[in-house]
C-alpha atoms as a PDB file:
ATOM      1  CA  MET A   1      10.204  26.272 -14.870  1.00  0.00           C
ATOM      2  CA  SER A   2      12.629  23.687 -16.254  1.00  0.00           C
ATOM      3  CA  GLU A   3      13.096  25.650 -19.496  1.00  0.00           C
ATOM      4  CA  PHE A   4      14.406  28.726 -17.680  1.00  0.00           C
ATOM      5  CA  TYR A   5      16.548  26.592 -15.405  1.00  0.00           C
ATOM      6  CA  CYS A   6      18.143  24.987 -18.469  1.00  0.00           C
ATOM      7  CA  VAL A   7      19.241  28.301 -20.003  1.00  0.00           C
ATOM      8  CA  ASP A   8      21.663  28.939 -17.124  1.00  0.00           C
ATOM      9  CA  LEU A   9      23.030  25.399 -16.844  1.00  0.00           C
ATOM     10  CA  ASN A  10      23.436  24.033 -20.354  1.00  0.00           C
ATOM     11  CA  MET A  11      25.487  21.070 -19.141  1.00  0.00           C
ATOM     12  CA  MET A  12      22.836  19.964 -16.636  1.00  0.00           C
ATOM     13  CA  CYS A  13      19.914  20.774 -18.931  1.00  0.00           C
ATOM     14  CA  ASP A  14      19.688  17.457 -20.776  1.00  0.00           C
ATOM     15  CA  ALA A  15      20.133  15.338 -17.651  1.00  0.00           C
ATOM     16  CA  THR A  16      17.563  17.210 -15.547  1.00  0.00           C
ATOM     17  CA  THR A  17      14.907  17.436 -18.261  1.00  0.00           C
ATOM     18  CA  TYR A  18      15.385  13.749 -19.114  1.00  0.00           C
ATOM     19  CA  PHE A  19      15.056  12.802 -15.458  1.00  0.00           C
ATOM     20  CA  THR A  20      12.017  15.001 -14.777  1.00  0.00           C
ATOM     21  CA  THR A  21      10.160  13.858 -17.905  1.00  0.00           C
ATOM     22  CA  ASN A  22      10.844  10.214 -17.013  1.00  0.00           C
ATOM     23  CA  LEU A  23       9.687  10.872 -13.455  1.00  0.00           C
ATOM     24  CA  GLU A  24       6.506  12.545 -14.722  1.00  0.00           C
ATOM     25  CA  ILE A  25       5.816   9.637 -17.092  1.00  0.00           C
ATOM     26  CA  ILE A  26       6.329   7.137 -14.251  1.00  0.00           C
ATOM     27  CA  LEU A  27       4.039   9.151 -11.957  1.00  0.00           C
ATOM     28  CA  ILE A  28       1.309   9.442 -14.608  1.00  0.00           C
ATOM     29  CA  PHE A  29       1.502   5.711 -15.370  1.00  0.00           C
ATOM     30  CA  SER A  30       1.364   4.747 -11.687  1.00  0.00           C
ATOM     31  CA  VAL A  31      -1.642   7.037 -11.091  1.00  0.00           C
ATOM     32  CA  VAL A  32      -3.452   5.597 -14.131  1.00  0.00           C
ATOM     33  CA  TYR A  33      -2.561   2.044 -13.021  1.00  0.00           C
ATOM     34  CA  ILE A  34      -3.918   2.695  -9.505  1.00  0.00           C
ATOM     35  CA  LEU A  35      -7.129   4.258 -10.844  1.00  0.00           C
ATOM     36  CA  VAL A  36      -7.733   1.388 -13.281  1.00  0.00           C
ATOM     37  CA  GLY A  37      -6.993  -1.159 -10.557  1.00  0.00           C
ATOM     38  CA  LEU A  38      -9.379   0.546  -8.138  1.00  0.00           C
ATOM     39  CA  SER A  39     -12.212   0.775 -10.668  1.00  0.00           C
ATOM     40  CA  MET A  40     -11.748  -2.886 -11.656  1.00  0.00           C
ATOM     41  CA  TRP A  41     -11.670  -3.939  -7.986  1.00  0.00           C
ATOM     42  CA  ILE A  42     -14.833  -1.932  -7.211  1.00  0.00           C
ATOM     43  CA  SER A  43     -16.686  -3.357 -10.214  1.00  0.00           C
ATOM     44  CA  TRP A  44     -15.544  -6.887  -9.266  1.00  0.00           C
ATOM     45  CA  LYS A  45     -16.798  -6.402  -5.691  1.00  0.00           C
ATOM     46  CA  GLU A  46     -20.114  -5.096  -7.011  1.00  0.00           C
ATOM     47  CA  ALA A  47     -20.418  -8.070  -9.375  1.00  0.00           C
ATOM     48  CA  THR A  48     -19.678 -10.597  -6.623  1.00  0.00           C
ATOM     49  CA  LYS A  49     -22.121  -8.835  -4.280  1.00  0.00           C
ATOM     50  CA  GLU A  50     -24.854  -9.049  -6.926  1.00  0.00           C
ATOM     51  CA  ALA A  51     -24.028 -12.703  -7.629  1.00  0.00           C
ATOM     52  CA  LYS A  52     -24.395 -13.607  -3.946  1.00  0.00           C
ATOM     53  CA  GLU A  53     -27.792 -11.901  -3.621  1.00  0.00           C
END
């Protein structure tokens, strides 16, 4: 989508692609961070539950 959009607006091309790629990278990193955090939290809860019993 962005490639075709860039053909028409050469001036805006660099700015928009730079912004969207950065946004995608930020989104991917935040999703990964949340998933890792959740899995660590779940495993920690499981470990503490086992320790108590």
